[in-house]
Amino acid sequence: MEEMKVVLATSNRGKVEEIRRILEPFRFEIIVPEEKLRVEEKGNTFLENALIKAKAYFDRFGLPALADDSGLEVEALGGYPGVFSSRFHSLDFGGIEEVRDSEDEANVRKLLRLMKGEKNRRARFVCWVVLYTGYGGVFGYGECRGTIADSPRGEKGFGYDPVFVPEGFSRTMAEIEPEEKDSISHRGKALRNLIRTLERCRI
């Protein structure tokens, strides 16, 4: 695969750090634009939203654009928060949660409130990534199964990481070292699947 310059279609610092770290061994020049685009994520699925973001960034910056859309699906909540993961606190579903420290903290607080006393703690992180070049998109999918903890633990992650315990672990995602997290995470799997597709296509 030839070296490729790509623009990241995100302003989420946690995602930027993870994507840079995961793609570091591969031939990418990662561009993180200072301009923050407001992209309406009106898709019904993670894949639709990732493609919407990738196309918007490609149209604005004229470079191949890499976008991800990801979130947490909780079995006992019927798949919520799902595509609403980043704004779960603001949904009428389960009641609106006040933002105190951050939106991430409000999302986690709402999740734990809704899961209080629930025996079924099964959940999964899901991620779709899209590299859009103007001629079409190349896709990668990844998921990580686990359970929801009773309370937040750890300082290393972001989003729902402090309350998600991956299968085979007793630690939350936020207690796991970054490189170890990358090897099992939904985003790590999705990006590596994307790379395999690029290599097969010789892009």
C-alpha atoms as a PDB file:
ATOM      1  CA  MET A   1       0.000   0.000   0.000  1.00  0.00           C
ATOM      2  CA  GLU A   2       1.378   3.391  -1.017  1.00  0.00           C
ATOM      3  CA  GLU A   3       1.633   6.196   1.517  1.00  0.00           C
ATOM      4  CA  MET A   4      -1.661   8.055   1.751  1.00  0.00           C
ATOM      5  CA  LYS A   5      -2.527  11.466   3.147  1.00  0.00           C
ATOM      6  CA  VAL A   6      -5.916  11.342   4.890  1.00  0.00           C
ATOM      7  CA  VAL A   7      -7.982  13.855   6.824  1.00  0.00           C
ATOM      8  CA  LEU A   8      -9.610  12.616  10.033  1.00  0.00           C
ATOM      9  CA  ALA A   9     -13.324  13.365  10.132  1.00  0.00           C
ATOM     10  CA  THR A  10     -13.525  13.925  13.875  1.00  0.00           C
ATOM     11  CA  SER A  11     -12.798  16.544  16.525  1.00  0.00           C
ATOM     12  CA  ASN A  12     -12.984  14.031  19.382  1.00  0.00           C
ATOM     13  CA  ARG A  13      -9.531  14.093  21.014  1.00  0.00           C
ATOM     14  CA  GLY A  14      -9.862  10.561  22.375  1.00  0.00           C
ATOM     15  CA  LYS A  15     -10.663   9.194  18.924  1.00  0.00           C
ATOM     16  CA  VAL A  16      -7.855  11.185  17.305  1.00  0.00           C
ATOM     17  CA  GLU A  17      -5.301   9.753  19.749  1.00  0.00           C
ATOM     18  CA  GLU A  18      -6.553   6.193  19.290  1.00  0.00           C
ATOM     19  CA  ILE A  19      -6.690   6.362  15.497  1.00  0.00           C
ATOM     20  CA  ARG A  20      -3.195   7.901  15.284  1.00  0.00           C
ATOM     21  CA  ARG A  21      -1.829   5.194  17.583  1.00  0.00           C
ATOM     22  CA  ILE A  22      -3.517   2.313  15.750  1.00  0.00           C
ATOM     23  CA  LEU A  23      -2.509   3.540  12.282  1.00  0.00           C
ATOM     24  CA  GLU A  24       1.061   4.464  13.275  1.00  0.00           C
ATOM     25  CA  PRO A  25       2.583   1.236  11.828  1.00  0.00           C
ATOM     26  CA  PHE A  26       0.919   1.840   8.461  1.00  0.00           C
ATOM     27  CA  ARG A  27       1.633   4.250   5.625  1.00  0.00           C
ATOM     28  CA  PHE A  28      -0.663   7.144   6.468  1.00  0.00           C
ATOM     29  CA  GLU A  29      -0.058  10.845   6.891  1.00  0.00           C
ATOM     30  CA  ILE A  30      -2.829  11.854   9.280  1.00  0.00           C
ATOM     31  CA  ILE A  31      -4.241  15.372   8.933  1.00  0.00           C
ATOM     32  CA  VAL A  32      -6.370  16.735  11.779  1.00  0.00           C
ATOM     33  CA  PRO A  33      -7.989  19.955  10.540  1.00  0.00           C
ATOM     34  CA  GLU A  34      -8.207  22.928  12.860  1.00  0.00           C
ATOM     35  CA  GLU A  35     -11.593  23.770  11.394  1.00  0.00           C
ATOM     36  CA  LYS A  36     -14.395  21.829  13.057  1.00  0.00           C
ATOM     37  CA  LEU A  37     -17.142  20.899  10.652  1.00  0.00           C
ATOM     38  CA  ARG A  38     -20.683  20.611  11.956  1.00  0.00           C
ATOM     39  CA  VAL A  39     -21.973  17.462  10.316  1.00  0.00           C
ATOM     40  CA  GLU A  40     -25.544  16.361  10.960  1.00  0.00           C
ATOM     41  CA  GLU A  41     -25.392  12.644  11.715  1.00  0.00           C
ATOM     42  CA  LYS A  42     -28.875  11.800  10.480  1.00  0.00           C
ATOM     43  CA  GLY A  43     -28.225   8.162   9.575  1.00  0.00           C
ATOM     44  CA  ASN A  44     -30.004   5.265  11.233  1.00  0.00           C
ATOM     45  CA  THR A  45     -26.867   3.144  11.504  1.00  0.00           C
ATOM     46  CA  PHE A  46     -23.212   3.594  12.474  1.00  0.00           C
ATOM     47  CA  LEU A  47     -22.169   2.891   8.876  1.00  0.00           C
ATOM     48  CA  GLU A  48     -24.503   5.530   7.443  1.00  0.00           C
ATOM     49  CA  ASN A  49     -23.217   8.147   9.888  1.00  0.00           C
ATOM     50  CA  ALA A  50     -19.569   7.288   9.207  1.00  0.00           C
ATOM     51  CA  LEU A  51     -20.141   7.680   5.468  1.00  0.00           C
ATOM     52  CA  ILE A  52     -21.965  10.989   5.958  1.00  0.00           C
ATOM     53  CA  LYS A  53     -19.017  12.371   7.949  1.00  0.00           C
ATOM     54  CA  ALA A  54     -16.380  11.039   5.543  1.00  0.00           C
ATOM     55  CA  LYS A  55     -18.123  12.578   2.520  1.00  0.00           C
ATOM     56  CA  ALA A  56     -18.526  15.937   4.288  1.00  0.00           C
ATOM     57  CA  TYR A  57     -14.813  16.117   5.154  1.00  0.00           C
ATOM     58  CA  PHE A  58     -13.775  15.002   1.663  1.00  0.00           C
ATOM     59  CA  ASP A  59     -15.963  17.687   0.094  1.00  0.00           C
ATOM     60  CA  ARG A  60     -14.546  20.379   2.399  1.00  0.00           C
ATOM     61  CA  PHE A  61     -10.824  19.510   2.329  1.00  0.00           C
ATOM     62  CA  GLY A  62     -10.393  17.647  -0.968  1.00  0.00           C
ATOM     63  CA  LEU A  63      -8.467  14.773   0.600  1.00  0.00           C
ATOM     64  CA  PRO A  64      -9.345  11.139   1.286  1.00  0.00           C
ATOM     65  CA  ALA A  65     -11.331  11.292   4.518  1.00  0.00           C
ATOM     66  CA  LEU A  66     -11.345   8.731   7.313  1.00  0.00           C
ATOM     67  CA  ALA A  67     -14.408   8.691   9.547  1.00  0.00           C
ATOM     68  CA  ASP A  68     -15.622   6.408  12.267  1.00  0.00           C
ATOM     69  CA  ASP A  69     -18.973   6.097  13.922  1.00  0.00           C
ATOM     70  CA  SER A  70     -19.141   3.983  17.011  1.00  0.00           C
ATOM     71  CA  GLY A  71     -21.087   3.468  20.162  1.00  0.00           C
ATOM     72  CA  LEU A  72     -22.335   1.231  22.916  1.00  0.00           C
ATOM     73  CA  GLU A  73     -25.240  -1.195  22.561  1.00  0.00           C
ATOM     74  CA  VAL A  74     -26.683  -2.483  25.839  1.00  0.00           C
ATOM     75  CA  GLU A  75     -28.818  -5.608  25.666  1.00  0.00           C
ATOM     76  CA  ALA A  76     -31.096  -4.778  28.620  1.00  0.00           C
ATOM     77  CA  LEU A  77     -31.837  -1.340  27.075  1.00  0.00           C
ATOM     78  CA  GLY A  78     -32.900  -2.792  23.738  1.00  0.00           C
ATOM     79  CA  GLY A  79     -29.676  -1.718  22.031  1.00  0.00           C
ATOM     80  CA  TYR A  80     -29.584   1.819  23.425  1.00  0.00           C
ATOM     81  CA  PRO A  81     -27.711   4.105  23.436  1.00  0.00           C
ATOM     82  CA  GLY A  82     -26.529   2.810  20.027  1.00  0.00           C
ATOM     83  CA  VAL A  83     -26.159   5.529  17.390  1.00  0.00           C
ATOM     84  CA  PHE A  84     -27.157   8.044  20.072  1.00  0.00           C
ATOM     85  CA  SER A  85     -24.202   7.130  22.310  1.00  0.00           C
ATOM     86  CA  SER A  86     -22.520  10.552  22.238  1.00  0.00           C
ATOM     87  CA  ARG A  87     -25.746  12.393  23.067  1.00  0.00           C
ATOM     88  CA  PHE A  88     -27.498   9.770  25.184  1.00  0.00           C
ATOM     89  CA  HIS A  89     -27.831  12.211  28.085  1.00  0.00           C
ATOM     90  CA  SER A  90     -30.085  14.473  25.983  1.00  0.00           C
ATOM     91  CA  LEU A  91     -32.546  11.807  24.810  1.00  0.00           C
ATOM     92  CA  ASP A  92     -36.051  11.551  26.199  1.00  0.00           C
ATOM     93  CA  PHE A  93     -35.467   7.787  26.418  1.00  0.00           C
ATOM     94  CA  GLY A  94     -34.862   7.137  30.117  1.00  0.00           C
ATOM     95  CA  GLY A  95     -35.096  10.833  30.968  1.00  0.00           C
ATOM     96  CA  ILE A  96     -32.738  13.713  30.192  1.00  0.00           C
ATOM     97  CA  GLU A  97     -29.565  13.756  32.293  1.00  0.00           C
ATOM     98  CA  GLU A  98     -28.040  17.052  33.432  1.00  0.00           C
ATOM     99  CA  VAL A  99     -24.537  17.796  32.125  1.00  0.00           C
ATOM    100  CA  ARG A 100     -22.314  18.672  35.077  1.00  0.00           C
ATOM    101  CA  ASP A 101     -18.641  17.944  34.374  1.00  0.00           C
ATOM    102  CA  SER A 102     -18.883  16.749  30.754  1.00  0.00           C
ATOM    103  CA  GLU A 103     -21.225  15.080  28.275  1.00  0.00           C
ATOM    104  CA  ASP A 104     -19.265  11.822  28.677  1.00  0.00           C
ATOM    105  CA  GLU A 105     -19.845  11.901  32.417  1.00  0.00           C
ATOM    106  CA  ALA A 106     -23.559  12.650  31.942  1.00  0.00           C
ATOM    107  CA  ASN A 107     -23.895   9.767  29.472  1.00  0.00           C
ATOM    108  CA  VAL A 108     -22.266   7.346  31.901  1.00  0.00           C
ATOM    109  CA  ARG A 109     -24.340   8.597  34.816  1.00  0.00           C
ATOM    110  CA  LYS A 110     -27.555   8.090  32.849  1.00  0.00           C
ATOM    111  CA  LEU A 111     -26.496   4.613  31.739  1.00  0.00           C
ATOM    112  CA  LEU A 112     -25.735   3.520  35.300  1.00  0.00           C
ATOM    113  CA  ARG A 113     -29.027   4.973  36.525  1.00  0.00           C
ATOM    114  CA  LEU A 114     -30.978   2.986  33.951  1.00  0.00           C
ATOM    115  CA  MET A 115     -28.964  -0.173  34.685  1.00  0.00           C
ATOM    116  CA  LYS A 116     -29.339   0.019  38.466  1.00  0.00           C
ATOM    117  CA  GLY A 117     -30.471  -3.370  39.763  1.00  0.00           C
ATOM    118  CA  GLU A 118     -30.379  -4.919  36.276  1.00  0.00           C
ATOM    119  CA  LYS A 119     -28.920  -8.442  36.264  1.00  0.00           C
ATOM    120  CA  ASN A 120     -28.350  -8.604  32.523  1.00  0.00           C
ATOM    121  CA  ARG A 121     -25.235  -6.457  32.074  1.00  0.00           C
ATOM    122  CA  ARG A 122     -24.290  -7.676  28.575  1.00  0.00           C
ATOM    123  CA  ALA A 123     -23.230  -5.013  26.084  1.00  0.00           C
ATOM    124  CA  ARG A 124     -20.987  -4.451  23.100  1.00  0.00           C
ATOM    125  CA  PHE A 125     -19.031  -1.611  21.548  1.00  0.00           C
ATOM    126  CA  VAL A 126     -19.580  -1.336  17.775  1.00  0.00           C
ATOM    127  CA  CYS A 127     -17.531   0.601  15.228  1.00  0.00           C
ATOM    128  CA  TRP A 128     -17.705   1.218  11.506  1.00  0.00           C
ATOM    129  CA  VAL A 129     -14.879   3.109   9.789  1.00  0.00           C
ATOM    130  CA  VAL A 130     -15.015   4.541   6.285  1.00  0.00           C
ATOM    131  CA  LEU A 131     -12.231   5.828   4.057  1.00  0.00           C
ATOM    132  CA  TYR A 132     -13.865   7.955   1.380  1.00  0.00           C
ATOM    133  CA  THR A 133     -11.795   8.916  -1.663  1.00  0.00           C
ATOM    134  CA  GLY A 134     -14.368  10.587  -3.891  1.00  0.00           C
ATOM    135  CA  TYR A 135     -14.791   7.473  -6.000  1.00  0.00           C
ATOM    136  CA  GLY A 136     -16.415   5.509  -3.215  1.00  0.00           C
ATOM    137  CA  GLY A 137     -15.750   4.202   0.254  1.00  0.00           C
ATOM    138  CA  VAL A 138     -13.702   1.417   1.802  1.00  0.00           C
ATOM    139  CA  PHE A 139     -15.196   0.062   5.008  1.00  0.00           C
ATOM    140  CA  GLY A 140     -14.114  -1.736   8.164  1.00  0.00           C
ATOM    141  CA  TYR A 141     -16.188  -3.156  11.011  1.00  0.00           C
ATOM    142  CA  GLY A 142     -15.276  -4.117  14.559  1.00  0.00           C
ATOM    143  CA  GLU A 143     -17.010  -4.968  17.807  1.00  0.00           C
ATOM    144  CA  CYS A 144     -15.985  -5.729  21.369  1.00  0.00           C
ATOM    145  CA  ARG A 145     -18.320  -7.643  23.681  1.00  0.00           C
ATOM    146  CA  GLY A 146     -18.415  -7.280  27.430  1.00  0.00           C
ATOM    147  CA  THR A 147     -20.500  -6.174  30.394  1.00  0.00           C
ATOM    148  CA  ILE A 148     -21.482  -2.946  32.133  1.00  0.00           C
ATOM    149  CA  ALA A 149     -19.773  -2.361  35.493  1.00  0.00           C
ATOM    150  CA  ASP A 150     -21.686  -1.130  38.550  1.00  0.00           C
ATOM    151  CA  SER A 151     -19.601   2.047  38.804  1.00  0.00           C
ATOM    152  CA  PRO A 152     -16.899   3.890  36.794  1.00  0.00           C
ATOM    153  CA  ARG A 153     -13.293   2.712  37.166  1.00  0.00           C
ATOM    154  CA  GLY A 154     -10.092   3.940  35.537  1.00  0.00           C
ATOM    155  CA  GLU A 155      -8.715   7.120  34.016  1.00  0.00           C
ATOM    156  CA  LYS A 156      -7.163   5.929  30.737  1.00  0.00           C
ATOM    157  CA  GLY A 157     -10.164   5.891  28.426  1.00  0.00           C
ATOM    158  CA  PHE A 158     -12.964   8.168  27.307  1.00  0.00           C
ATOM    159  CA  GLY A 159     -16.679   7.889  26.611  1.00  0.00           C
ATOM    160  CA  TYR A 160     -18.149   4.760  28.181  1.00  0.00           C
ATOM    161  CA  ASP A 161     -14.737   3.125  28.755  1.00  0.00           C
ATOM    162  CA  PRO A 162     -14.890   3.512  32.577  1.00  0.00           C
ATOM    163  CA  VAL A 163     -17.989   1.300  32.813  1.00  0.00           C
ATOM    164  CA  PHE A 164     -17.275  -1.281  30.083  1.00  0.00           C
ATOM    165  CA  VAL A 165     -15.544  -4.538  31.035  1.00  0.00           C
ATOM    166  CA  PRO A 166     -14.410  -6.500  27.940  1.00  0.00           C
ATOM    167  CA  GLU A 167     -14.944 -10.254  27.798  1.00  0.00           C
ATOM    168  CA  GLY A 168     -12.065 -12.075  29.478  1.00  0.00           C
ATOM    169  CA  PHE A 169     -11.115  -9.068  31.620  1.00  0.00           C
ATOM    170  CA  SER A 170     -11.877  -7.953  35.154  1.00  0.00           C
ATOM    171  CA  ARG A 171     -10.718  -4.406  34.358  1.00  0.00           C
ATOM    172  CA  THR A 172     -12.703  -1.741  32.521  1.00  0.00           C
ATOM    173  CA  MET A 173     -11.531  -0.296  29.216  1.00  0.00           C
ATOM    174  CA  ALA A 174     -10.372   2.767  31.165  1.00  0.00           C
ATOM    175  CA  GLU A 175      -8.114   0.605  33.357  1.00  0.00           C
ATOM    176  CA  ILE A 176      -6.407  -1.131  30.425  1.00  0.00           C
ATOM    177  CA  GLU A 177      -3.179   0.234  28.945  1.00  0.00           C
ATOM    178  CA  PRO A 178      -3.742   1.938  25.556  1.00  0.00           C
ATOM    179  CA  GLU A 179      -1.799  -0.589  23.473  1.00  0.00           C
ATOM    180  CA  GLU A 180      -3.659  -3.491  25.095  1.00  0.00           C
ATOM    181  CA  LYS A 181      -6.967  -1.729  24.527  1.00  0.00           C
ATOM    182  CA  ASP A 182      -6.135  -1.220  20.841  1.00  0.00           C
ATOM    183  CA  SER A 183      -5.635  -4.964  20.397  1.00  0.00           C
ATOM    184  CA  ILE A 184      -9.176  -5.809  21.556  1.00  0.00           C
ATOM    185  CA  SER A 185     -11.215  -2.652  20.951  1.00  0.00           C
ATOM    186  CA  HIS A 186     -13.965  -2.218  18.393  1.00  0.00           C
ATOM    187  CA  ARG A 187     -12.081   0.685  16.811  1.00  0.00           C
ATOM    188  CA  GLY A 188      -8.819  -1.235  16.624  1.00  0.00           C
ATOM    189  CA  LYS A 189     -10.547  -4.180  14.936  1.00  0.00           C
ATOM    190  CA  ALA A 190     -12.422  -1.931  12.504  1.00  0.00           C
ATOM    191  CA  LEU A 191      -9.279  -0.059  11.446  1.00  0.00           C
ATOM    192  CA  ARG A 192      -7.265  -3.244  10.982  1.00  0.00           C
ATOM    193  CA  ASN A 193     -10.089  -4.698   8.864  1.00  0.00           C
ATOM    194  CA  LEU A 194     -10.053  -1.506   6.803  1.00  0.00           C
ATOM    195  CA  ILE A 195      -6.289  -1.860   6.281  1.00  0.00           C
ATOM    196  CA  ARG A 196      -6.692  -5.473   5.140  1.00  0.00           C
ATOM    197  CA  THR A 197      -9.259  -4.377   2.568  1.00  0.00           C
ATOM    198  CA  LEU A 198      -6.974  -1.591   1.324  1.00  0.00           C
ATOM    199  CA  GLU A 199      -4.099  -4.038   0.976  1.00  0.00           C
ATOM    200  CA  ARG A 200      -6.243  -6.521  -0.965  1.00  0.00           C
ATOM    201  CA  CYS A 201      -7.387  -3.735  -3.276  1.00  0.00           C
ATOM    202  CA  ARG A 202      -3.822  -2.385  -3.502  1.00  0.00           C
ATOM    203  CA  ILE A 203      -5.064   1.128  -2.908  1.00  0.00           C
END
